[in-house]
Structure formats: C-alpha cells, structure tokens
Amino acid sequence: MTPNLARQLLTIGEFARQTRLTPKALRIYDETGLLRPAEVDPAHGNRRYAAGQVRLARLIGMLRGADMSLAEIRLLLADLAEDGELAAARLDRHLTGLEARHTSRRLLIRHIRAILREEDQSMFPIQSRHVPAQRVMSIQRRLRAPETDSFVSEARAAFASHLAGAAPAGPFTLIFHGIVDHESDGPIEAMLGCPGDVQASDLIGIRTEPAHDEAFTTITKAEWAYPAILAAYDAVSSSPEASARPGTRLSCREVYVAEPQAIGDNDLICDIAFPLGQC
C-alpha cells in the first residue's frame, strides 16, 4: 500500500463497509482503545479512519469471530507489535482453550441428553460415606467466579505457610455456601484439616467441621472444567442418596484429591459432595 493511500481518510460508514464491521462495533473499539479513528471532527464528533487501518480492523473482526475477548485481542495486538511469533503463540493458546471448553460442553450435553431420555445410568457413579468431625483451618470470602482461581491459590499458600511444614489432617476443600458465578458472590470457604496445635491467625480461622454423611462422585480434571462440572453437581444433588435425606444445613463442596496443575485431563481431581440430612 502506498503512503498516500494509507493516509486516505474514510468515513465510519465506508470504513465499516470495507472492514465488514458495524459502526456500533467500531465505536466500541474506539471507546476501549482497541482501534482509534485517525481523526475525529471536534465540531460534530464524526470519526474518520485511515485506509491503512482496514487490515487491522479486519484482523480484529476475525479474532472476535474466533471467540476472542477484547482484552485478549488487546494482548495479541501488543504481542504482534513486538513479534508475530508471540502473537501466533497466543492465538494457539486461545485455540487450546476453545477446544477444552468445547469438550466440557460436550460432557454437559451428554448428561442433559441422558436426562431428556430418562436414562437410569448416570455418567457419574454416586457413593455415600461418613465423614468424622474434623478440626480445620478456614478462609471465607465473598467473590465471583472469575476470582475463584486466585482465591484458591491464595488459600493453599496461606494454609501451607501456616502449617509450617506440618502435614494437613484432611483434604483441601472448597465449600459453596451460596452460588458463585458472574453475578453471585457466594460466599465460598476454603478449608483444610489441621492438627490440634494449630492456632488461628488474622487471615485464617480455626473451627470444627461437624461429622456428617455425604453423597459424592469423583470426577476427572476434564469433568471438573466449567461447564462440565455442572453435570456432576446435578448428578449428585438429584441422586437417590441425596433425595432420600434432605434437610442438612451443611453446604455442597469440592473435596480435592489432587492439585489441578499436577495432573492431566483424565486424572481424578476431586469429589463433588453433598452432605446428607439425618436418617
């Protein structure tokens, strides 16, 4: 493209036509700083774009079509400004994430299909067990779904530091005292069994988790990924074991048997457990 052509200014309508983007999308990209117009009329606010911006706008449109968020696109464009290989590597990681989410949705849909067909055999074998009372370290917080991973990392690190080399007396567990998603903030509680000589700190509380029976199923890392994990929760909560013994005041939980970073998709990661009411 010649320098003169690159400097040619286009109205937002013409730019939208050439880039196959809507004026609304272009305004959003302007407001977020992703794609600024080359010129804005100070009197009327009319936006004009340089012809040299067409290729970038088309790239952004394709990345949006590939289900990449505006924040991810911003990072990719920053990589592209430094090195095309960095941008390509980020795109590959995005594709890996898309494939994982597709696999997760397939698992959830298999469960839903079984419900629609009224099939008796669940994808998730349900068991029950008695859990003795245990002394636990506890950190409780109100947060939404995007903050969960950082909270878990913080809690694991805090528990390990507080134990000062001593072995935990029970598994790392997340208890959901309320719904945790993009709109609802729980609360959520991280807990870990601890020896009797461990004391509370400013961050970590100490309490006794009551003895109880619970229904549970053990899931793999692939089944643990959202939204596939919704199927496991539904399978346990609607199981005959849980349905026969409602009324507990204890909340559902994820009882971990491995750390996510240390295992593969087909390895077991945690139990999805629902405490049961009294017989």
Protein backbone atom coordinates (compact mmCIF):
# COMPACT_ATOMS: atom_id res chain seq x y z
CA MET A 1 0.00 0.00 0.00
CA THR A 2 1.42 3.40 -0.95
CA PRO A 3 1.90 6.07 1.77
CA ASN A 4 -0.72 8.33 0.14
CA LEU A 5 -3.31 5.53 0.10
CA ALA A 6 -2.51 4.64 3.70
CA ARG A 7 -3.27 8.26 4.72
CA GLN A 8 -6.57 8.39 2.82
CA LEU A 9 -9.40 9.08 5.27
CA LEU A 10 -12.64 7.10 5.19
CA THR A 11 -15.97 7.88 6.84
CA ILE A 12 -17.07 5.44 9.53
CA GLY A 13 -19.72 4.11 7.12
CA GLU A 14 -17.24 3.45 4.34
CA PHE A 15 -14.70 2.03 6.79
CA ALA A 16 -17.39 -0.26 8.21
CA ARG A 17 -18.24 -1.45 4.70
CA GLN A 18 -14.63 -2.21 3.81
CA THR A 19 -13.86 -3.94 7.11
CA ARG A 20 -17.18 -5.82 7.40
CA LEU A 21 -17.66 -4.36 10.88
CA THR A 22 -20.69 -2.47 12.13
CA PRO A 23 -20.41 1.20 13.13
CA LYS A 24 -21.52 0.10 16.62
CA ALA A 25 -18.56 -2.32 16.86
CA LEU A 26 -16.18 0.39 15.66
CA ARG A 27 -17.47 2.77 18.32
CA ILE A 28 -16.88 0.10 20.99
CA TYR A 29 -13.34 -0.50 19.71
CA ASP A 30 -12.75 3.27 19.84
CA GLU A 31 -14.13 3.59 23.39
CA THR A 32 -11.98 0.71 24.62
CA GLY A 33 -8.86 1.99 22.85
CA LEU A 34 -8.57 -1.08 20.68
CA LEU A 35 -8.93 0.77 17.36
CA ARG A 36 -8.93 4.56 17.46
CA PRO A 37 -10.08 6.56 14.43
CA ALA A 38 -7.37 8.53 12.65
CA GLU A 39 -9.38 11.74 13.00
CA VAL A 40 -12.43 12.96 14.94
CA ASP A 41 -14.25 16.12 13.87
CA PRO A 42 -14.21 18.30 17.01
CA ALA A 43 -17.36 20.12 15.96
CA HIS A 44 -19.60 17.17 15.14
CA GLY A 45 -17.74 14.14 16.52
CA ASN A 46 -17.61 12.41 13.13
CA ARG A 47 -15.00 9.67 13.02
CA ARG A 48 -12.70 9.10 10.05
CA TYR A 49 -10.33 6.20 9.63
CA ALA A 50 -7.17 5.86 7.60
CA ALA A 51 -7.23 3.39 4.71
CA GLY A 52 -4.15 1.85 6.30
CA GLN A 53 -6.26 0.77 9.29
CA VAL A 54 -8.51 -1.50 7.21
CA ARG A 55 -6.32 -4.58 7.56
CA LEU A 56 -6.04 -4.17 11.35
CA ALA A 57 -9.81 -3.76 11.66
CA ARG A 58 -10.42 -6.90 9.60
CA LEU A 59 -7.99 -8.79 11.84
CA ILE A 60 -9.88 -7.64 14.94
CA GLY A 61 -13.15 -8.74 13.35
CA MET A 62 -11.76 -12.20 12.61
CA LEU A 63 -10.40 -12.56 16.13
CA ARG A 64 -13.83 -11.66 17.53
CA GLY A 65 -15.30 -14.28 15.22
CA ALA A 66 -12.85 -16.75 16.76
CA ASP A 67 -14.47 -16.00 20.15
CA MET A 68 -11.54 -13.95 21.45
CA SER A 69 -12.43 -11.29 24.01
CA LEU A 70 -11.50 -7.64 23.56
CA ALA A 71 -8.99 -7.97 26.41
CA GLU A 72 -7.37 -10.98 24.73
CA ILE A 73 -7.26 -9.17 21.39
CA ARG A 74 -5.53 -6.21 23.03
CA LEU A 75 -2.82 -8.55 24.36
CA LEU A 76 -2.45 -10.26 20.99
CA LEU A 77 -2.04 -6.93 19.20
CA ALA A 78 0.60 -5.91 21.74
CA ASP A 79 2.40 -9.19 21.02
CA LEU A 80 2.05 -8.56 17.29
CA ALA A 81 3.69 -5.14 17.63
CA GLU A 82 6.69 -6.88 19.21
CA ASP A 83 6.89 -10.18 17.31
CA GLY A 84 4.47 -12.04 15.04
CA GLU A 85 5.51 -15.36 16.58
CA LEU A 86 4.41 -14.15 20.02
CA ALA A 87 1.00 -13.26 18.60
CA ALA A 88 0.74 -16.64 16.86
CA ALA A 89 1.62 -18.43 20.11
CA ARG A 90 -1.12 -16.52 21.95
CA LEU A 91 -3.59 -17.50 19.22
CA ASP A 92 -2.56 -21.16 19.64
CA ARG A 93 -3.22 -20.93 23.39
CA HIS A 94 -6.63 -19.43 22.66
CA LEU A 95 -7.42 -22.35 20.34
CA THR A 96 -6.40 -24.83 23.04
CA GLY A 97 -8.78 -23.10 25.44
CA LEU A 98 -11.61 -23.19 22.90
CA GLU A 99 -11.12 -26.91 22.35
CA ALA A 100 -11.14 -27.55 26.10
CA ARG A 101 -14.38 -25.57 26.52
CA HIS A 102 -15.94 -27.45 23.61
CA THR A 103 -15.04 -30.76 25.24
CA SER A 104 -16.51 -29.52 28.51
CA ARG A 105 -19.78 -28.53 26.83
CA ARG A 106 -19.99 -31.94 25.16
CA LEU A 107 -19.75 -33.64 28.57
CA LEU A 108 -22.52 -31.44 29.95
CA ILE A 109 -24.73 -32.06 26.91
CA ARG A 110 -24.27 -35.83 27.28
CA HIS A 111 -25.62 -35.52 30.82
CA ILE A 112 -28.56 -33.36 29.70
CA ARG A 113 -29.37 -35.81 26.88
CA ALA A 114 -29.49 -38.66 29.40
CA ILE A 115 -32.00 -36.66 31.47
CA LEU A 116 -34.18 -35.96 28.42
CA ARG A 117 -34.19 -39.65 27.54
CA GLU A 118 -34.86 -40.59 31.17
CA GLU A 119 -31.89 -42.93 31.18
CA ASP A 120 -31.26 -44.62 34.52
CA GLN A 121 -27.48 -44.96 34.35
CA SER A 122 -25.67 -41.76 35.24
CA MET A 123 -22.32 -40.72 33.82
CA PHE A 124 -21.30 -40.22 37.45
CA PRO A 125 -21.42 -43.18 39.87
CA ILE A 126 -22.74 -41.92 43.21
CA GLN A 127 -21.42 -43.23 46.51
CA SER A 128 -22.05 -42.27 50.12
CA ARG A 129 -19.73 -42.13 53.13
CA HIS A 130 -19.48 -40.96 56.71
CA VAL A 131 -17.13 -38.04 57.37
CA PRO A 132 -15.98 -37.71 61.01
CA ALA A 133 -15.83 -34.31 62.68
CA GLN A 134 -12.55 -32.59 61.95
CA ARG A 135 -10.66 -29.51 63.08
CA VAL A 136 -9.99 -27.28 60.08
CA MET A 137 -8.29 -24.09 59.02
CA SER A 138 -10.75 -21.83 57.21
CA ILE A 139 -10.75 -18.77 54.96
CA GLN A 140 -14.12 -17.48 53.82
CA ARG A 141 -14.73 -14.79 51.23
CA ARG A 142 -17.38 -13.27 49.01
CA LEU A 143 -16.27 -13.37 45.39
CA ARG A 144 -17.48 -14.08 41.87
CA ALA A 145 -16.46 -16.86 39.52
CA PRO A 146 -13.53 -15.08 37.78
CA GLU A 147 -11.87 -14.55 41.18
CA THR A 148 -12.09 -18.17 42.33
CA ASP A 149 -8.75 -19.40 40.97
CA SER A 150 -6.75 -16.61 42.60
CA PHE A 151 -8.60 -17.17 45.89
CA VAL A 152 -7.80 -20.89 45.82
CA SER A 153 -4.12 -20.19 45.13
CA GLU A 154 -4.02 -17.66 47.96
CA ALA A 155 -5.75 -20.06 50.39
CA ARG A 156 -3.50 -23.01 49.52
CA ALA A 157 -0.39 -20.87 50.01
CA ALA A 158 -1.68 -19.42 53.29
CA PHE A 159 -2.54 -22.86 54.69
CA ALA A 160 0.86 -24.30 53.71
CA SER A 161 2.67 -21.37 55.32
CA HIS A 162 0.55 -21.60 58.48
CA LEU A 163 1.24 -25.32 58.86
CA ALA A 164 4.99 -24.54 58.78
CA GLY A 165 5.92 -27.97 57.47
CA ALA A 166 3.35 -29.98 59.44
CA ALA A 167 1.15 -32.38 57.48
CA PRO A 168 -2.51 -31.42 56.98
CA ALA A 169 -5.05 -33.60 58.77
CA GLY A 170 -7.56 -33.63 55.92
CA PRO A 171 -8.02 -32.74 52.25
CA PHE A 172 -8.21 -29.25 50.78
CA THR A 173 -11.91 -28.47 50.34
CA LEU A 174 -13.98 -25.69 48.81
CA ILE A 175 -17.40 -25.19 50.39
CA PHE A 176 -20.00 -23.21 48.46
CA HIS A 177 -22.27 -21.50 50.98
CA GLY A 178 -24.04 -19.73 48.11
CA ILE A 179 -23.96 -19.57 44.33
CA VAL A 180 -20.65 -18.40 42.87
CA ASP A 181 -20.92 -17.24 39.26
CA HIS A 182 -20.52 -13.99 37.31
CA GLU A 183 -23.47 -12.39 39.15
CA SER A 184 -23.47 -14.05 42.61
CA ASP A 185 -20.70 -13.92 45.18
CA GLY A 186 -21.22 -16.93 47.44
CA PRO A 187 -19.76 -16.83 49.96
CA ILE A 188 -17.13 -19.50 49.35
CA GLU A 189 -14.96 -21.14 52.01
CA ALA A 190 -11.59 -22.85 51.64
CA MET A 191 -10.77 -25.30 54.40
CA LEU A 192 -8.02 -27.76 55.24
CA GLY A 193 -7.86 -30.27 58.10
CA CYS A 194 -5.19 -29.35 60.64
CA PRO A 195 -3.51 -30.76 63.78
CA GLY A 196 -4.83 -29.75 67.18
CA ASP A 197 -1.96 -27.41 68.00
CA VAL A 198 -2.54 -25.11 65.01
CA GLN A 199 -4.00 -21.78 66.11
CA ALA A 200 -5.96 -19.08 64.30
CA SER A 201 -4.29 -16.06 62.69
CA ASP A 202 -5.50 -12.72 61.32
CA LEU A 203 -6.23 -14.42 57.98
CA ILE A 204 -7.04 -18.00 58.96
CA GLY A 205 -9.82 -19.10 61.27
CA ILE A 206 -9.99 -22.42 63.12
CA ARG A 207 -13.26 -24.30 63.53
CA THR A 208 -14.69 -27.80 63.75
CA GLU A 209 -16.47 -29.16 60.70
CA PRO A 210 -19.32 -31.35 62.06
CA ALA A 211 -19.48 -35.08 61.43
CA HIS A 212 -21.90 -35.93 58.64
CA ASP A 213 -22.79 -38.37 55.91
CA GLU A 214 -22.47 -37.24 52.31
CA ALA A 215 -23.23 -38.40 48.79
CA PHE A 216 -20.41 -37.85 46.33
CA THR A 217 -18.93 -38.64 42.96
CA THR A 218 -15.28 -38.43 41.97
CA ILE A 219 -14.54 -36.58 38.75
CA THR A 220 -11.62 -36.13 36.38
CA LYS A 221 -9.95 -32.85 35.55
CA ALA A 222 -11.82 -32.78 32.22
CA GLU A 223 -15.15 -33.23 34.04
CA TRP A 224 -14.11 -30.57 36.57
CA ALA A 225 -13.77 -27.88 33.88
CA TYR A 226 -16.69 -25.46 33.57
CA PRO A 227 -19.40 -26.09 32.37
CA ALA A 228 -18.94 -29.88 32.52
CA ILE A 229 -18.79 -29.70 36.33
CA LEU A 230 -22.46 -28.61 36.35
CA ALA A 231 -23.37 -32.14 35.26
CA ALA A 232 -21.54 -33.67 38.23
CA TYR A 233 -23.26 -31.30 40.66
CA ASP A 234 -26.64 -32.14 39.17
CA ALA A 235 -25.95 -35.88 39.26
CA VAL A 236 -25.13 -35.85 42.98
CA SER A 237 -27.82 -33.39 44.07
CA SER A 238 -30.57 -35.30 42.22
CA SER A 239 -29.31 -38.77 43.16
CA PRO A 240 -31.50 -41.16 45.19
CA GLU A 241 -28.96 -40.91 48.03
CA ALA A 242 -29.32 -37.11 48.29
CA SER A 243 -33.06 -37.07 47.59
CA ALA A 244 -33.75 -39.55 50.37
CA ARG A 245 -32.01 -37.45 53.03
CA PRO A 246 -32.69 -33.72 52.58
CA GLY A 247 -32.61 -31.12 55.31
CA THR A 248 -28.93 -30.69 56.15
CA ARG A 249 -27.62 -27.21 56.94
CA LEU A 250 -24.18 -28.07 55.55
CA SER A 251 -23.29 -26.83 52.06
CA CYS A 252 -22.12 -28.67 48.95
CA ARG A 253 -18.39 -28.92 48.42
CA GLU A 254 -15.45 -29.94 46.28
CA VAL A 255 -13.04 -32.24 48.13
CA TYR A 256 -9.72 -32.31 46.30
CA VAL A 257 -7.61 -35.40 45.79
CA ALA A 258 -5.03 -33.67 43.54
CA GLU A 259 -3.87 -30.21 42.51
CA PRO A 260 -5.06 -29.17 39.03
CA GLN A 261 -1.58 -28.14 37.86
CA ALA A 262 -0.09 -31.53 38.70
CA ILE A 263 -2.42 -33.80 36.71
CA GLY A 264 -3.76 -34.49 33.21
CA ASP A 265 -7.31 -34.21 31.92
CA ASN A 266 -8.08 -37.91 32.54
CA ASP A 267 -6.76 -37.96 36.11
CA LEU A 268 -9.04 -37.71 39.15
CA ILE A 269 -9.12 -34.28 40.72
CA CYS A 270 -11.90 -34.02 43.32
CA ASP A 271 -15.12 -35.32 44.83
CA ILE A 272 -18.32 -33.36 44.30
CA ALA A 273 -20.03 -33.92 47.65
CA PHE A 274 -23.44 -33.07 49.12
CA PRO A 275 -23.88 -33.55 52.89
CA LEU A 276 -26.96 -35.59 53.79
CA GLY A 277 -29.64 -34.91 56.37
CA GLN A 278 -30.24 -37.14 59.38
CA CYS A 279 -31.72 -40.58 58.77
